[in-house]
Every structure is written in structure tokens, then in C-alpha cells.
PDB file of N, CA and C in Angstrom:
ATOM      1  N   PRO A   1       0.780  -1.008  -0.114  1.00  0.00           N
ATOM      2  CA  PRO A   1      -0.011   0.122  -0.083  1.00  0.00           C
ATOM      3  C   PRO A   1       0.909   1.275  -0.143  1.00  0.00           C
ATOM      4  N   GLN A   2       0.296   2.569  -0.954  1.00  0.00           N
ATOM      5  CA  GLN A   2       0.876   3.630  -0.776  1.00  0.00           C
ATOM      6  C   GLN A   2       0.882   4.571   0.365  1.00  0.00           C
ATOM      7  N   THR A   3       1.706   4.634   1.408  1.00  0.00           N
ATOM      8  CA  THR A   3       2.032   5.594   2.366  1.00  0.00           C
ATOM      9  C   THR A   3       2.066   7.007   1.885  1.00  0.00           C
ATOM     10  N   THR A   4       1.240   8.158   2.490  1.00  0.00           N
ATOM     11  CA  THR A   4       1.713   9.231   2.048  1.00  0.00           C
ATOM     12  C   THR A   4       2.168  10.218   3.728  1.00  0.00           C
ATOM     13  N   LEU A   5       2.906  11.233   3.573  1.00  0.00           N
ATOM     14  CA  LEU A   5       3.407  11.226   5.028  1.00  0.00           C
ATOM     15  C   LEU A   5       3.610  13.075   4.493  1.00  0.00           C
ATOM     16  N   ARG A   6       2.520  13.691   5.670  1.00  0.00           N
ATOM     17  CA  ARG A   6       2.424  15.468   4.853  1.00  0.00           C
ATOM     18  C   ARG A   6       2.673  16.265   6.529  1.00  0.00           C
ATOM     19  N   PHE A   7       3.845  16.431   6.738  1.00  0.00           N
ATOM     20  CA  PHE A   7       4.330  17.402   7.807  1.00  0.00           C
ATOM     21  C   PHE A   7       5.176  18.623   7.549  1.00  0.00           C
ATOM     22  N   LYS A   8       5.161  19.575   7.730  1.00  0.00           N
ATOM     23  CA  LYS A   8       6.129  20.900   7.946  1.00  0.00           C
ATOM     24  C   LYS A   8       7.080  20.035   8.469  1.00  0.00           C
ATOM     25  N   ASN A   9       8.104  20.475   7.735  1.00  0.00           N
ATOM     26  CA  ASN A   9       9.111  20.140   8.095  1.00  0.00           C
ATOM     27  C   ASN A   9      10.388  20.971   8.485  1.00  0.00           C
ATOM     28  N   VAL A  10      10.051  22.338   8.702  1.00  0.00           N
ATOM     29  CA  VAL A  10      10.751  23.153   9.396  1.00  0.00           C
ATOM     30  C   VAL A  10       9.415  23.929  10.577  1.00  0.00           C
ATOM     31  N   PHE A  11      10.195  24.063  11.872  1.00  0.00           N
ATOM     32  CA  PHE A  11       9.240  24.648  13.324  1.00  0.00           C
ATOM     33  C   PHE A  11      10.076  24.960  14.498  1.00  0.00           C
ATOM     34  N   ASN A  12       9.010  25.958  15.046  1.00  0.00           N
ATOM     35  CA  ASN A  12       9.884  26.483  16.239  1.00  0.00           C
ATOM     36  C   ASN A  12       9.368  25.656  17.269  1.00  0.00           C
ATOM     37  N   PRO A  13       9.917  24.687  18.035  1.00  0.00           N
ATOM     38  CA  PRO A  13       9.169  24.233  19.238  1.00  0.00           C
ATOM     39  C   PRO A  13       9.296  25.001  20.383  1.00  0.00           C
ATOM     40  N   ALA A  14       9.377  26.340  19.976  1.00  0.00           N
ATOM     41  CA  ALA A  14       8.913  27.287  21.448  1.00  0.00           C
ATOM     42  C   ALA A  14       7.364  27.916  21.114  1.00  0.00           C
ATOM     43  N   THR A  15       6.823  27.702  19.486  1.00  0.00           N
ATOM     44  CA  THR A  15       5.724  28.049  19.603  1.00  0.00           C
ATOM     45  C   THR A  15       4.496  27.290  19.285  1.00  0.00           C
ATOM     46  N   GLU A  16       5.315  26.212  18.733  1.00  0.00           N
ATOM     47  CA  GLU A  16       4.247  25.058  17.844  1.00  0.00           C
ATOM     48  C   GLU A  16       5.005  23.497  18.093  1.00  0.00           C
ATOM     49  N   THR A  17       3.902  22.595  17.696  1.00  0.00           N
ATOM     50  CA  THR A  17       4.431  21.374  17.792  1.00  0.00           C
ATOM     51  C   THR A  17       4.537  20.760  16.372  1.00  0.00           C
ATOM     52  N   MET A  18       5.067  19.698  16.029  1.00  0.00           N
ATOM     53  CA  MET A  18       4.943  19.140  14.554  1.00  0.00           C
ATOM     54  C   MET A  18       4.064  17.795  14.462  1.00  0.00           C
ATOM     55  N   ALA A  19       3.303  17.405  13.405  1.00  0.00           N
ATOM     56  CA  ALA A  19       2.651  16.639  13.214  1.00  0.00           C
ATOM     57  C   ALA A  19       3.347  15.451  12.178  1.00  0.00           C
ATOM     58  N   ILE A  20       3.535  14.382  12.415  1.00  0.00           N
ATOM     59  CA  ILE A  20       4.641  13.522  11.542  1.00  0.00           C
ATOM     60  C   ILE A  20       3.198  12.423  11.088  1.00  0.00           C
ATOM     61  N   ARG A  21       2.624  12.414  10.209  1.00  0.00           N
ATOM     62  CA  ARG A  21       1.644  12.088   9.355  1.00  0.00           C
ATOM     63  C   ARG A  21       1.629  10.985   8.851  1.00  0.00           C
ATOM     64  N   TYR A  22       1.012   9.904   9.040  1.00  0.00           N
ATOM     65  CA  TYR A  22       1.082   8.977   8.345  1.00  0.00           C
ATOM     66  C   TYR A  22      -0.411   8.102   7.504  1.00  0.00           C
ATOM     67  N   ALA A  23      -0.772   7.178   6.640  1.00  0.00           N
ATOM     68  CA  ALA A  23      -1.937   6.923   5.969  1.00  0.00           C
ATOM     69  C   ALA A  23      -2.788   6.397   6.716  1.00  0.00           C
ATOM     70  N   ALA A  24      -4.055   6.737   6.760  1.00  0.00           N
ATOM     71  CA  ALA A  24      -4.903   5.976   7.228  1.00  0.00           C
ATOM     72  C   ALA A  24      -5.022   4.378   6.724  1.00  0.00           C
ATOM     73  N   GLY A  25      -5.485   3.518   7.913  1.00  0.00           N
ATOM     74  CA  GLY A  25      -5.447   1.793   7.521  1.00  0.00           C
ATOM     75  C   GLY A  25      -3.833   1.253   7.562  1.00  0.00           C
ATOM     76  N   VAL A  26      -3.114   1.783   8.103  1.00  0.00           N
ATOM     77  CA  VAL A  26      -1.515   2.170   8.003  1.00  0.00           C
ATOM     78  C   VAL A  26      -1.359   1.500  10.051  1.00  0.00           C
ATOM     79  N   ALA A  27      -1.111   0.486  10.001  1.00  0.00           N
ATOM     80  CA  ALA A  27      -0.625   0.146  11.732  1.00  0.00           C
ATOM     81  C   ALA A  27       0.152   1.473  12.031  1.00  0.00           C
ATOM     82  N   ARG A  28      -0.266   1.695  13.525  1.00  0.00           N
ATOM     83  CA  ARG A  28       0.852   2.688  14.042  1.00  0.00           C
ATOM     84  C   ARG A  28       2.100   2.203  13.912  1.00  0.00           C
ATOM     85  N   PRO A  29       2.863   3.120  12.981  1.00  0.00           N
ATOM     86  CA  PRO A  29       4.600   2.676  12.978  1.00  0.00           C
ATOM     87  C   PRO A  29       5.381   3.503  14.341  1.00  0.00           C
ATOM     88  N   SER A  30       6.474   2.697  14.113  1.00  0.00           N
ATOM     89  CA  SER A  30       7.573   3.241  15.266  1.00  0.00           C
ATOM     90  C   SER A  30       7.932   4.310  14.854  1.00  0.00           C
ATOM     91  N   ILE A  31       8.076   5.521  15.392  1.00  0.00           N
ATOM     92  CA  ILE A  31       8.732   7.059  15.097  1.00  0.00           C
ATOM     93  C   ILE A  31       9.733   7.115  15.879  1.00  0.00           C
ATOM     94  N   THR A  32      10.873   7.755  15.514  1.00  0.00           N
ATOM     95  CA  THR A  32      11.956   8.064  16.081  1.00  0.00           C
ATOM     96  C   THR A  32      13.029   9.069  15.522  1.00  0.00           C
ATOM     97  N   ILE A  33      13.060   9.810  16.192  1.00  0.00           N
ATOM     98  CA  ILE A  33      13.678  11.227  15.882  1.00  0.00           C
ATOM     99  C   ILE A  33      15.339  11.132  16.204  1.00  0.00           C
ATOM    100  N   TYR A  34      16.297  11.201  15.428  1.00  0.00           N
ATOM    101  CA  TYR A  34      17.971  11.481  15.504  1.00  0.00           C
ATOM    102  C   TYR A  34      18.165  12.607  15.164  1.00  0.00           C
ATOM    103  N   ASP A  35      19.151  12.568  15.741  1.00  0.00           N
ATOM    104  CA  ASP A  35      20.196  14.082  15.229  1.00  0.00           C
ATOM    105  C   ASP A  35      21.109  13.710  14.156  1.00  0.00           C
ATOM    106  N   ARG A  36      22.047  14.912  13.875  1.00  0.00           N
ATOM    107  CA  ARG A  36      22.726  14.602  12.138  1.00  0.00           C
ATOM    108  C   ARG A  36      23.667  13.594  12.474  1.00  0.00           C
ATOM    109  N   LYS A  37      24.262  13.544  14.106  1.00  0.00           N
ATOM    110  CA  LYS A  37      25.561  12.578  13.912  1.00  0.00           C
ATOM    111  C   LYS A  37      24.551  10.484  14.308  1.00  0.00           C
ATOM    112  N   GLY A  38      23.268  10.493  14.382  1.00  0.00           N
ATOM    113  CA  GLY A  38      22.935   9.472  14.259  1.00  0.00           C
ATOM    114  C   GLY A  38      22.312   9.317  15.887  1.00  0.00           C
ATOM    115  N   ARG A  39      22.623  10.158  16.951  1.00  0.00           N
ATOM    116  CA  ARG A  39      22.454   9.504  18.086  1.00  0.00           C
ATOM    117  C   ARG A  39      20.496   9.759  18.273  1.00  0.00           C
ATOM    118  N   GLU A  40      20.303   9.043  18.871  1.00  0.00           N
ATOM    119  CA  GLU A  40      18.591   8.738  19.243  1.00  0.00           C
ATOM    120  C   GLU A  40      18.747   9.895  20.199  1.00  0.00           C
ATOM    121  N   ILE A  41      17.388  11.137  19.547  1.00  0.00           N
ATOM    122  CA  ILE A  41      16.720  12.373  20.493  1.00  0.00           C
ATOM    123  C   ILE A  41      15.420  11.889  21.305  1.00  0.00           C
ATOM    124  N   LYS A  42      14.694  11.488  20.639  1.00  0.00           N
ATOM    125  CA  LYS A  42      13.114  11.027  21.179  1.00  0.00           C
ATOM    126  C   LYS A  42      12.342   9.599  20.608  1.00  0.00           C
ATOM    127  N   ILE A  43      11.910   8.742  21.174  1.00  0.00           N
ATOM    128  CA  ILE A  43      10.606   7.947  20.411  1.00  0.00           C
ATOM    129  C   ILE A  43       9.652   8.768  20.968  1.00  0.00           C
ATOM    130  N   LEU A  44       8.819   8.924  19.679  1.00  0.00           N
ATOM    131  CA  LEU A  44       7.440   9.589  19.966  1.00  0.00           C
ATOM    132  C   LEU A  44       6.319   8.515  20.604  1.00  0.00           C
ATOM    133  N   SER A  45       5.897   9.067  21.274  1.00  0.00           N
ATOM    134  CA  SER A  45       4.626   8.314  21.479  1.00  0.00           C
ATOM    135  C   SER A  45       3.372   8.879  21.984  1.00  0.00           C
ATOM    136  N   ASP A  46       3.070  10.168  21.319  1.00  0.00           N
ATOM    137  CA  ASP A  46       1.748  10.945  21.135  1.00  0.00           C
ATOM    138  C   ASP A  46       1.591  11.075  20.154  1.00  0.00           C
ATOM    139  N   TYR A  47       0.746   9.514  19.849  1.00  0.00           N
ATOM    140  CA  TYR A  47      -0.459   9.695  19.054  1.00  0.00           C
ATOM    141  C   TYR A  47      -1.626   9.813  18.614  1.00  0.00           C
ATOM    142  N   GLY A  48      -2.360   9.897  17.488  1.00  0.00           N
ATOM    143  CA  GLY A  48      -3.526  10.649  17.545  1.00  0.00           C
ATOM    144  C   GLY A  48      -4.271  10.059  16.180  1.00  0.00           C
ATOM    145  N   ALA A  49      -5.465  10.351  15.874  1.00  0.00           N
ATOM    146  CA  ALA A  49      -5.869  10.028  14.654  1.00  0.00           C
ATOM    147  C   ALA A  49      -6.950  11.220  14.175  1.00  0.00           C
ATOM    148  N   ASP A  50      -7.084  11.393  13.161  1.00  0.00           N
ATOM    149  CA  ASP A  50      -8.345  12.020  12.240  1.00  0.00           C
ATOM    150  C   ASP A  50      -8.888  11.739  11.181  1.00  0.00           C
ATOM    151  N   ALA A  51      -9.642  12.602  10.170  1.00  0.00           N
ATOM    152  CA  ALA A  51     -10.181  11.900   8.935  1.00  0.00           C
ATOM    153  C   ALA A  51      -9.179  11.685   7.880  1.00  0.00           C
ATOM    154  N   GLU A  52      -7.851  12.346   8.436  1.00  0.00           N
ATOM    155  CA  GLU A  52      -6.491  12.391   7.018  1.00  0.00           C
ATOM    156  C   GLU A  52      -6.240  11.160   7.741  1.00  0.00           C
ATOM    157  N   GLY A  53      -5.842  10.437   8.521  1.00  0.00           N
ATOM    158  CA  GLY A  53      -5.220   9.610   8.626  1.00  0.00           C
ATOM    159  C   GLY A  53      -4.569   9.353  10.058  1.00  0.00           C
ATOM    160  N   GLY A  54      -3.018   8.816  10.701  1.00  0.00           N
ATOM    161  CA  GLY A  54      -3.068   8.628  11.707  1.00  0.00           C
ATOM    162  C   GLY A  54      -1.340  10.027  11.976  1.00  0.00           C
ATOM    163  N   TYR A  55      -1.229  10.702  12.686  1.00  0.00           N
ATOM    164  CA  TYR A  55      -0.115  11.323  13.611  1.00  0.00           C
ATOM    165  C   TYR A  55       0.645  10.908  14.523  1.00  0.00           C
ATOM    166  N   ALA A  56       1.644  11.561  14.996  1.00  0.00           N
ATOM    167  CA  ALA A  56       2.695  11.524  15.939  1.00  0.00           C
ATOM    168  C   ALA A  56       2.982  12.688  15.999  1.00  0.00           C
ATOM    169  N   ARG A  57       3.022  13.569  17.455  1.00  0.00           N
ATOM    170  CA  ARG A  57       3.656  14.828  17.440  1.00  0.00           C
ATOM    171  C   ARG A  57       4.977  14.961  17.997  1.00  0.00           C
ATOM    172  N   TRP A  58       6.029  15.626  17.989  1.00  0.00           N
ATOM    173  CA  TRP A  58       6.997  16.249  18.131  1.00  0.00           C
ATOM    174  C   TRP A  58       6.794  17.491  18.673  1.00  0.00           C
ATOM    175  N   ASP A  59       7.430  17.874  19.835  1.00  0.00           N
ATOM    176  CA  ASP A  59       6.947  18.836  20.746  1.00  0.00           C
ATOM    177  C   ASP A  59       8.753  19.680  20.541  1.00  0.00           C
ATOM    178  N   GLY A  60       9.655  18.614  19.583  1.00  0.00           N
ATOM    179  CA  GLY A  60      11.174  19.642  19.747  1.00  0.00           C
ATOM    180  C   GLY A  60      11.843  19.498  20.734  1.00  0.00           C
ATOM    181  N   ARG A  61      11.429  18.456  21.932  1.00  0.00           N
ATOM    182  CA  ARG A  61      12.002  17.732  23.112  1.00  0.00           C
ATOM    183  C   ARG A  61      12.608  16.832  22.779  1.00  0.00           C
ATOM    184  N   ASN A  62      13.930  16.441  23.687  1.00  0.00           N
ATOM    185  CA  ASN A  62      14.368  15.300  23.610  1.00  0.00           C
ATOM    186  C   ASN A  62      13.765  14.307  24.999  1.00  0.00           C
ATOM    187  N   THR A  63      14.451  13.109  24.796  1.00  0.00           N
ATOM    188  CA  THR A  63      14.108  12.203  26.008  1.00  0.00           C
ATOM    189  C   THR A  63      13.888  12.918  27.442  1.00  0.00           C
ATOM    190  N   GLU A  64      14.893  13.415  27.572  1.00  0.00           N
ATOM    191  CA  GLU A  64      14.937  14.065  29.076  1.00  0.00           C
ATOM    192  C   GLU A  64      14.059  15.450  29.250  1.00  0.00           C
ATOM    193  N   GLY A  65      13.444  15.557  28.357  1.00  0.00           N
ATOM    194  CA  GLY A  65      12.711  17.263  28.236  1.00  0.00           C
ATOM    195  C   GLY A  65      13.298  18.305  27.827  1.00  0.00           C
ATOM    196  N   SER A  66      14.348  18.257  27.399  1.00  0.00           N
ATOM    197  CA  SER A  66      14.921  19.789  26.879  1.00  0.00           C
ATOM    198  C   SER A  66      14.410  20.150  25.790  1.00  0.00           C
ATOM    199  N   VAL A  67      14.426  21.378  25.204  1.00  0.00           N
ATOM    200  CA  VAL A  67      14.210  21.528  23.823  1.00  0.00           C
ATOM    201  C   VAL A  67      15.404  21.197  23.116  1.00  0.00           C
ATOM    202  N   VAL A  68      15.562  20.877  21.848  1.00  0.00           N
ATOM    203  CA  VAL A  68      16.125  20.508  20.832  1.00  0.00           C
ATOM    204  C   VAL A  68      17.208  21.911  20.688  1.00  0.00           C
ATOM    205  N   ALA A  69      18.372  21.919  20.229  1.00  0.00           N
ATOM    206  CA  ALA A  69      19.199  22.971  19.277  1.00  0.00           C
ATOM    207  C   ALA A  69      18.648  23.417  18.237  1.00  0.00           C
ATOM    208  N   SER A  70      18.766  24.407  17.200  1.00  0.00           N
ATOM    209  CA  SER A  70      18.349  24.303  16.230  1.00  0.00           C
ATOM    210  C   SER A  70      19.123  23.325  15.583  1.00  0.00           C
ATOM    211  N   GLY A  71      18.780  23.074  13.960  1.00  0.00           N
ATOM    212  CA  GLY A  71      19.358  22.074  13.368  1.00  0.00           C
ATOM    213  C   GLY A  71      18.661  21.320  12.381  1.00  0.00           C
ATOM    214  N   VAL A  72      19.143  20.845  11.535  1.00  0.00           N
ATOM    215  CA  VAL A  72      18.283  19.174  11.185  1.00  0.00           C
ATOM    216  C   VAL A  72      18.380  18.052  11.929  1.00  0.00           C
ATOM    217  N   TYR A  73      17.187  17.733  11.969  1.00  0.00           N
ATOM    218  CA  TYR A  73      17.130  16.197  12.344  1.00  0.00           C
ATOM    219  C   TYR A  73      16.051  15.164  11.323  1.00  0.00           C
ATOM    220  N   MET A  74      15.919  14.166  11.650  1.00  0.00           N
ATOM    221  CA  MET A  74      16.037  12.803  11.106  1.00  0.00           C
ATOM    222  C   MET A  74      14.929  11.912  12.024  1.00  0.00           C
ATOM    223  N   ALA A  75      13.383  12.264  11.439  1.00  0.00           N
ATOM    224  CA  ALA A  75      12.455  11.399  11.480  1.00  0.00           C
ATOM    225  C   ALA A  75      12.335   9.998  10.647  1.00  0.00           C
ATOM    226  N   VAL A  76      12.779   8.932  12.004  1.00  0.00           N
ATOM    227  CA  VAL A  76      12.845   7.949  10.950  1.00  0.00           C
ATOM    228  C   VAL A  76      11.420   6.857  11.271  1.00  0.00           C
ATOM    229  N   ILE A  77      10.863   6.737  10.244  1.00  0.00           N
ATOM    230  CA  ILE A  77       9.304   5.925  10.427  1.00  0.00           C
ATOM    231  C   ILE A  77       9.317   4.844   9.757  1.00  0.00           C
ATOM    232  N   ASN A  78       9.373   3.957  10.868  1.00  0.00           N
ATOM    233  CA  ASN A  78       9.623   2.318  10.459  1.00  0.00           C
ATOM    234  C   ASN A  78       7.892   1.688  10.704  1.00  0.00           C
ATOM    235  N   TYR A  79       7.395   0.906   9.811  1.00  0.00           N
ATOM    236  CA  TYR A  79       6.469   0.458   9.753  1.00  0.00           C
ATOM    237  C   TYR A  79       6.322  -1.230  10.152  1.00  0.00           C
ATOM    238  N   GLY A  80       7.164  -1.632  10.099  1.00  0.00           N
ATOM    239  CA  GLY A  80       8.078  -3.134   9.934  1.00  0.00           C
ATOM    240  C   GLY A  80       8.356  -3.631   8.845  1.00  0.00           C
ATOM    241  N   PHE A  81       7.375  -3.311   8.180  1.00  0.00           N
ATOM    242  CA  PHE A  81       7.551  -3.948   6.465  1.00  0.00           C
ATOM    243  C   PHE A  81       8.242  -2.888   5.741  1.00  0.00           C
ATOM    244  N   ARG A  82       8.893  -1.585   6.148  1.00  0.00           N
ATOM    245  CA  ARG A  82       9.025  -0.577   5.455  1.00  0.00           C
ATOM    246  C   ARG A  82       9.710   0.790   6.087  1.00  0.00           C
ATOM    247  N   VAL A  83      10.592   1.004   6.003  1.00  0.00           N
ATOM    248  CA  VAL A  83      11.476   2.493   6.993  1.00  0.00           C
ATOM    249  C   VAL A  83      11.350   3.564   5.822  1.00  0.00           C
ATOM    250  N   ASP A  84      10.694   4.826   6.044  1.00  0.00           N
ATOM    251  CA  ASP A  84      10.446   5.993   5.534  1.00  0.00           C
ATOM    252  C   ASP A  84      11.591   6.791   6.773  1.00  0.00           C
ATOM    253  N   LYS A  85      12.455   7.899   5.854  1.00  0.00           N
ATOM    254  CA  LYS A  85      13.182   8.762   6.789  1.00  0.00           C
ATOM    255  C   LYS A  85      12.700  10.460   6.113  1.00  0.00           C
ATOM    256  N   ARG A  86      12.427  11.501   7.172  1.00  0.00           N
ATOM    257  CA  ARG A  86      12.341  12.736   6.207  1.00  0.00           C
ATOM    258  C   ARG A  86      13.120  13.609   7.095  1.00  0.00           C
ATOM    259  N   LYS A  87      13.640  14.674   6.706  1.00  0.00           N
ATOM    260  CA  LYS A  87      14.033  15.870   7.448  1.00  0.00           C
ATOM    261  C   LYS A  87      13.523  16.466   7.864  1.00  0.00           C
ATOM    262  N   VAL A  88      13.949  16.912   9.061  1.00  0.00           N
ATOM    263  CA  VAL A  88      13.013  17.837  10.092  1.00  0.00           C
ATOM    264  C   VAL A  88      14.063  18.937  10.629  1.00  0.00           C
ATOM    265  N   VAL A  89      13.706  20.225  10.300  1.00  0.00           N
ATOM    266  CA  VAL A  89      14.772  21.531  10.075  1.00  0.00           C
ATOM    267  C   VAL A  89      13.618  22.202  11.757  1.00  0.00           C
ATOM    268  N   VAL A  90      14.595  22.554  12.748  1.00  0.00           N
ATOM    269  CA  VAL A  90      14.210  23.101  13.739  1.00  0.00           C
ATOM    270  C   VAL A  90      14.765  24.394  13.682  1.00  0.00           C
ATOM    271  N   ILE A  91      14.009  25.952  13.910  1.00  0.00           N
ATOM    272  CA  ILE A  91      14.377  26.942  13.794  1.00  0.00           C
ATOM    273  C   ILE A  91      13.883  27.475  15.106  1.00  0.00           C
ATOM    274  N   LYS A  92      15.061  27.951  15.979  1.00  0.00           N
ATOM    275  CA  LYS A  92      14.300  28.977  17.006  1.00  0.00           C
ATOM    276  C   LYS A  92      14.379  29.957  16.893  1.00  0.00           C
TER     277      LYS A  92
END
């Protein structure tokens, strides 16, 4: 099945969160945020769904709850049968 991910890839965590979307009818994937060096920043757990499909929210914070630095991050979406990677830019 074709999966469509739609989200803003630039955001300011001081004023907003980012929704990483995945298509309706797809089992909830595992979504992990990594920094440019490949270090795990956060495993997302704030999932929801609406008429457009499923989504996970990232508030720009790491596992310890600190706001991450401005920069480029990678959202890795693992469906079990396929892995998608998307660049995310955080600007403060």
C-alpha cells in the first residue's frame, strides 16, 4: 500500500509542535527522531488520528524533556515492512 506523509519540516518548538502523518489504514508505526550524528533524540509516543489518517506529535524536546538545539534532525518512520526517513529542521 502507498503511504503518504505530510508535515511541515521546519518548525519552532517554542511556539508549536510538528505532526508527522501517516496514511489511514496503516498500523501505527514506530517513529524515532535522530540528530545529524545518528544519536537517538526521542521515540515519539504522542499518537492520534483524524479524518486524514494517523499522526504522531513532536514538541521539539529530547527524551530528558529539554528543547533541542536549532538544526537538522531525521524522523525515521518504521512500519515493520518499510522504513521512511524525513529531514526535519528546527529553528528557534
